[in-house]
Each structure stands twice: as C-alpha cells, then as structure tokens.
Amino acid sequence: ITGIALSFILGGAIGNLADRLLFGKVTDFIDWYYKTHHWPAFNVADSFICIGVTLLIIESIFFVKRCDE
C-alpha cells in the first residue's frame, strides 16, 4: 500500500508542478456547493494527493507492523 500511496502523492505533485511550469497556474475545476456550504475548489492532481495521504494514514492505523514479531 505504501508504494501506491506514495505514487499517488508524487503523481499529484508532478501534475501540479507541470501545470505551474507550463501554464503558470494550477487550474482548479471541481467546485462543489451544497445549499450555502462551499467546498474549496480542487483538481485531479489534488485528489490524487489526498487519496495517497489517506492511504498512508489508513495503513499506519490498521496495518502497523510490530517490531517484536
């Protein structure tokens, strides 16, 4: 799981960096509203970074490797 999570984080970071270098900005295009509540806009690269971090957190909580085993 660690490899996949780190790949998602690295891929998202590279995607955002490429947008920044090629276009001078990162375009956020997913913008959610629910009644008066607004979730911050984000893009696919941001989503992959969040998924990767979430996977790392889940792995650290539920798949902890004990040193004494």
C-alpha atoms as a PDB file:
ATOM      1  CA  ILE A   1       0.000   0.000   0.000  1.00  0.00           C
ATOM      2  CA  THR A   2       2.873   2.367   0.778  1.00  0.00           C
ATOM      3  CA  GLY A   3       4.167   2.283  -2.777  1.00  0.00           C
ATOM      4  CA  ILE A   4       0.768   3.018  -4.266  1.00  0.00           C
ATOM      5  CA  ALA A   5       0.123   5.832  -1.791  1.00  0.00           C
ATOM      6  CA  LEU A   6       3.487   7.457  -2.458  1.00  0.00           C
ATOM      7  CA  SER A   7       2.952   7.082  -6.205  1.00  0.00           C
ATOM      8  CA  PHE A   8      -0.369   8.920  -5.921  1.00  0.00           C
ATOM      9  CA  ILE A   9       1.234  11.714  -3.902  1.00  0.00           C
ATOM     10  CA  LEU A  10       4.204  12.037  -6.256  1.00  0.00           C
ATOM     11  CA  GLY A  11       1.996  11.877  -9.347  1.00  0.00           C
ATOM     12  CA  GLY A  12      -0.286  14.592  -7.984  1.00  0.00           C
ATOM     13  CA  ALA A  13       2.661  16.785  -7.076  1.00  0.00           C
ATOM     14  CA  ILE A  14       4.224  16.321 -10.524  1.00  0.00           C
ATOM     15  CA  GLY A  15       0.869  17.119 -12.147  1.00  0.00           C
ATOM     16  CA  ASN A  16       0.538  20.340 -10.185  1.00  0.00           C
ATOM     17  CA  LEU A  17       4.169  21.246 -10.899  1.00  0.00           C
ATOM     18  CA  ALA A  18       3.718  20.595 -14.628  1.00  0.00           C
ATOM     19  CA  ASP A  19       0.637  22.832 -14.703  1.00  0.00           C
ATOM     20  CA  ARG A  20       2.529  25.533 -12.829  1.00  0.00           C
ATOM     21  CA  LEU A  21       5.505  25.364 -15.218  1.00  0.00           C
ATOM     22  CA  LEU A  22       3.524  25.042 -18.456  1.00  0.00           C
ATOM     23  CA  PHE A  23       0.593  27.350 -17.734  1.00  0.00           C
ATOM     24  CA  GLY A  24       1.812  29.496 -14.856  1.00  0.00           C
ATOM     25  CA  LYS A  25      -1.042  28.331 -12.644  1.00  0.00           C
ATOM     26  CA  VAL A  26      -2.858  25.245 -11.485  1.00  0.00           C
ATOM     27  CA  THR A  27      -6.422  25.249 -12.735  1.00  0.00           C
ATOM     28  CA  ASP A  28      -8.959  24.083 -10.188  1.00  0.00           C
ATOM     29  CA  PHE A  29     -12.070  22.855 -11.942  1.00  0.00           C
ATOM     30  CA  ILE A  30     -14.066  20.785  -9.491  1.00  0.00           C
ATOM     31  CA  ASP A  31     -16.145  23.164  -7.406  1.00  0.00           C
ATOM     32  CA  TRP A  32     -18.855  21.810  -5.090  1.00  0.00           C
ATOM     33  CA  TYR A  33     -21.707  23.623  -3.411  1.00  0.00           C
ATOM     34  CA  TYR A  34     -24.443  22.342  -1.152  1.00  0.00           C
ATOM     35  CA  LYS A  35     -27.016  24.974  -0.302  1.00  0.00           C
ATOM     36  CA  THR A  36     -24.936  27.667   1.396  1.00  0.00           C
ATOM     37  CA  HIS A  37     -21.896  25.460   2.045  1.00  0.00           C
ATOM     38  CA  HIS A  38     -18.952  25.655  -0.326  1.00  0.00           C
ATOM     39  CA  TRP A  39     -16.161  23.100  -0.514  1.00  0.00           C
ATOM     40  CA  PRO A  40     -12.824  24.529  -1.753  1.00  0.00           C
ATOM     41  CA  ALA A  41     -12.184  24.003  -5.458  1.00  0.00           C
ATOM     42  CA  PHE A  42      -9.675  21.325  -6.412  1.00  0.00           C
ATOM     43  CA  ASN A  43      -8.309  19.403  -9.390  1.00  0.00           C
ATOM     44  CA  VAL A  44      -7.454  15.796 -10.232  1.00  0.00           C
ATOM     45  CA  ALA A  45      -3.852  16.152  -9.032  1.00  0.00           C
ATOM     46  CA  ASP A  46      -5.067  17.436  -5.660  1.00  0.00           C
ATOM     47  CA  SER A  47      -7.442  14.475  -5.464  1.00  0.00           C
ATOM     48  CA  PHE A  48      -4.603  12.007  -6.004  1.00  0.00           C
ATOM     49  CA  ILE A  49      -2.513  13.692  -3.312  1.00  0.00           C
ATOM     50  CA  CYS A  50      -5.421  13.447  -0.853  1.00  0.00           C
ATOM     51  CA  ILE A  51      -6.071   9.797  -1.747  1.00  0.00           C
ATOM     52  CA  GLY A  52      -2.377   8.972  -1.271  1.00  0.00           C
ATOM     53  CA  VAL A  53      -2.244  10.663   2.128  1.00  0.00           C
ATOM     54  CA  THR A  54      -5.463   8.917   3.167  1.00  0.00           C
ATOM     55  CA  LEU A  55      -3.995   5.547   2.174  1.00  0.00           C
ATOM     56  CA  LEU A  56      -0.877   6.237   4.242  1.00  0.00           C
ATOM     57  CA  ILE A  57      -2.982   7.170   7.259  1.00  0.00           C
ATOM     58  CA  ILE A  58      -5.166   4.073   6.899  1.00  0.00           C
ATOM     59  CA  GLU A  59      -2.078   1.894   6.564  1.00  0.00           C
ATOM     60  CA  SER A  60      -0.441   3.422   9.639  1.00  0.00           C
ATOM     61  CA  ILE A  61      -3.578   2.904  11.735  1.00  0.00           C
ATOM     62  CA  PHE A  62      -4.730  -0.542  10.623  1.00  0.00           C
ATOM     63  CA  PHE A  63      -1.632  -2.231   9.233  1.00  0.00           C
ATOM     64  CA  VAL A  64       1.007  -1.364  11.801  1.00  0.00           C
ATOM     65  CA  LYS A  65       3.990  -3.704  11.703  1.00  0.00           C
ATOM     66  CA  ARG A  66       5.223  -4.624  15.151  1.00  0.00           C
ATOM     67  CA  CYS A  67       8.943  -4.704  15.730  1.00  0.00           C
ATOM     68  CA  ASP A  68       8.789  -7.685  18.106  1.00  0.00           C
ATOM     69  CA  GLU A  69       7.232 -10.057  15.589  1.00  0.00           C
END
